[in-house]
Amino acid sequence: MARACAVCGKESMGGFNPQSSGMNRVRAHRRYQPNLQPLTLPTATGGTKRQLVCTRCRRTIAKASR
């Protein structure tokens, strides 16, 4: 299973590390990972299931429940 948000589907993204010195400024590859946190979500069958959710979706779910 890939590390992705169960609500919005956000996955890891590729990018480059910033280089601060040097003439040729070689770009080093890196991966940006989403901030996934476990959260108990209700399922369609009426039960609950623990899933990985990004913090943006977690915040939105918390706001909607108020």
C-alpha atoms as a PDB file:
ATOM      1  CA  MET A   1       0.000   0.000   0.000  1.00  0.00           C
ATOM      2  CA  ALA A   2       1.370   3.405  -0.982  1.00  0.00           C
ATOM      3  CA  ARG A   3       1.535   6.120   1.640  1.00  0.00           C
ATOM      4  CA  ALA A   4      -1.348   8.289   0.509  1.00  0.00           C
ATOM      5  CA  CYS A   5      -4.176  10.174   2.199  1.00  0.00           C
ATOM      6  CA  ALA A   6      -7.379   8.111   2.427  1.00  0.00           C
ATOM      7  CA  VAL A   7      -9.543  11.228   1.859  1.00  0.00           C
ATOM      8  CA  CYS A   8      -7.857  13.358  -0.822  1.00  0.00           C
ATOM      9  CA  GLY A   9      -5.277  10.913  -2.219  1.00  0.00           C
ATOM     10  CA  LYS A  10      -2.256  13.142  -1.596  1.00  0.00           C
ATOM     11  CA  GLU A  11       0.974  11.163  -2.246  1.00  0.00           C
ATOM     12  CA  SER A  12       4.701  11.771  -2.095  1.00  0.00           C
ATOM     13  CA  MET A  13       6.102  14.309  -4.547  1.00  0.00           C
ATOM     14  CA  GLY A  14       9.561  14.579  -6.092  1.00  0.00           C
ATOM     15  CA  GLY A  15      11.741  17.649  -5.935  1.00  0.00           C
ATOM     16  CA  PHE A  16      15.259  18.945  -5.405  1.00  0.00           C
ATOM     17  CA  ASN A  17      17.301  19.913  -2.354  1.00  0.00           C
ATOM     18  CA  PRO A  18      18.357  23.578  -2.492  1.00  0.00           C
ATOM     19  CA  GLN A  19      22.079  24.110  -3.042  1.00  0.00           C
ATOM     20  CA  SER A  20      23.551  27.135  -1.285  1.00  0.00           C
ATOM     21  CA  SER A  21      27.100  27.273  -2.619  1.00  0.00           C
ATOM     22  CA  GLY A  22      29.228  26.273  -5.573  1.00  0.00           C
ATOM     23  CA  MET A  23      29.515  27.321  -9.206  1.00  0.00           C
ATOM     24  CA  ASN A  24      27.626  24.415 -10.790  1.00  0.00           C
ATOM     25  CA  ARG A  25      24.847  24.141  -8.168  1.00  0.00           C
ATOM     26  CA  VAL A  26      24.186  20.442  -8.642  1.00  0.00           C
ATOM     27  CA  ARG A  27      20.578  19.638  -7.759  1.00  0.00           C
ATOM     28  CA  ALA A  28      20.165  16.671  -5.427  1.00  0.00           C
ATOM     29  CA  HIS A  29      16.940  14.683  -5.854  1.00  0.00           C
ATOM     30  CA  ARG A  30      14.645  14.170  -2.874  1.00  0.00           C
ATOM     31  CA  ARG A  31      11.070  13.179  -2.079  1.00  0.00           C
ATOM     32  CA  TYR A  32       8.549  15.321  -0.229  1.00  0.00           C
ATOM     33  CA  GLN A  33       6.279  13.133   1.940  1.00  0.00           C
ATOM     34  CA  PRO A  34       2.765  14.184   3.017  1.00  0.00           C
ATOM     35  CA  ASN A  35       2.172  14.573   6.758  1.00  0.00           C
ATOM     36  CA  LEU A  36      -0.056  11.536   7.339  1.00  0.00           C
ATOM     37  CA  GLN A  37      -1.647  10.846  10.716  1.00  0.00           C
ATOM     38  CA  PRO A  38      -3.839   7.899  11.787  1.00  0.00           C
ATOM     39  CA  LEU A  39      -7.518   8.801  12.186  1.00  0.00           C
ATOM     40  CA  THR A  40     -10.607   6.685  12.871  1.00  0.00           C
ATOM     41  CA  LEU A  41     -13.128   7.272  10.074  1.00  0.00           C
ATOM     42  CA  PRO A  42     -16.668   5.895   9.707  1.00  0.00           C
ATOM     43  CA  THR A  43     -17.210   3.355   6.908  1.00  0.00           C
ATOM     44  CA  ALA A  44     -20.204   2.943   4.598  1.00  0.00           C
ATOM     45  CA  THR A  45     -21.313  -0.190   6.461  1.00  0.00           C
ATOM     46  CA  GLY A  46     -21.704   1.703   9.735  1.00  0.00           C
ATOM     47  CA  GLY A  47     -18.461   0.637  11.414  1.00  0.00           C
ATOM     48  CA  THR A  48     -15.218   2.531  11.866  1.00  0.00           C
ATOM     49  CA  LYS A  49     -11.761   1.999  10.392  1.00  0.00           C
ATOM     50  CA  ARG A  50      -8.374   3.461  11.241  1.00  0.00           C
ATOM     51  CA  GLN A  51      -6.857   5.142   8.146  1.00  0.00           C
ATOM     52  CA  LEU A  52      -3.980   7.464   7.286  1.00  0.00           C
ATOM     53  CA  VAL A  53      -5.196  11.014   6.616  1.00  0.00           C
ATOM     54  CA  CYS A  54      -3.164  14.137   5.792  1.00  0.00           C
ATOM     55  CA  THR A  55      -3.287  16.935   8.352  1.00  0.00           C
ATOM     56  CA  ARG A  56      -5.196  19.257   6.001  1.00  0.00           C
ATOM     57  CA  CYS A  57      -8.053  16.730   5.630  1.00  0.00           C
ATOM     58  CA  ARG A  58      -7.935  15.942   9.350  1.00  0.00           C
ATOM     59  CA  ARG A  59      -8.399  19.630  10.127  1.00  0.00           C
ATOM     60  CA  THR A  60     -11.274  19.940   7.657  1.00  0.00           C
ATOM     61  CA  ILE A  61     -13.025  16.866   9.133  1.00  0.00           C
ATOM     62  CA  ALA A  62     -12.653  18.321  12.641  1.00  0.00           C
ATOM     63  CA  LYS A  63     -14.171  21.634  11.493  1.00  0.00           C
ATOM     64  CA  ALA A  64     -17.136  19.890   9.835  1.00  0.00           C
ATOM     65  CA  SER A  65     -17.957  17.931  12.985  1.00  0.00           C
ATOM     66  CA  ARG A  66     -18.441  21.114  15.046  1.00  0.00           C
END
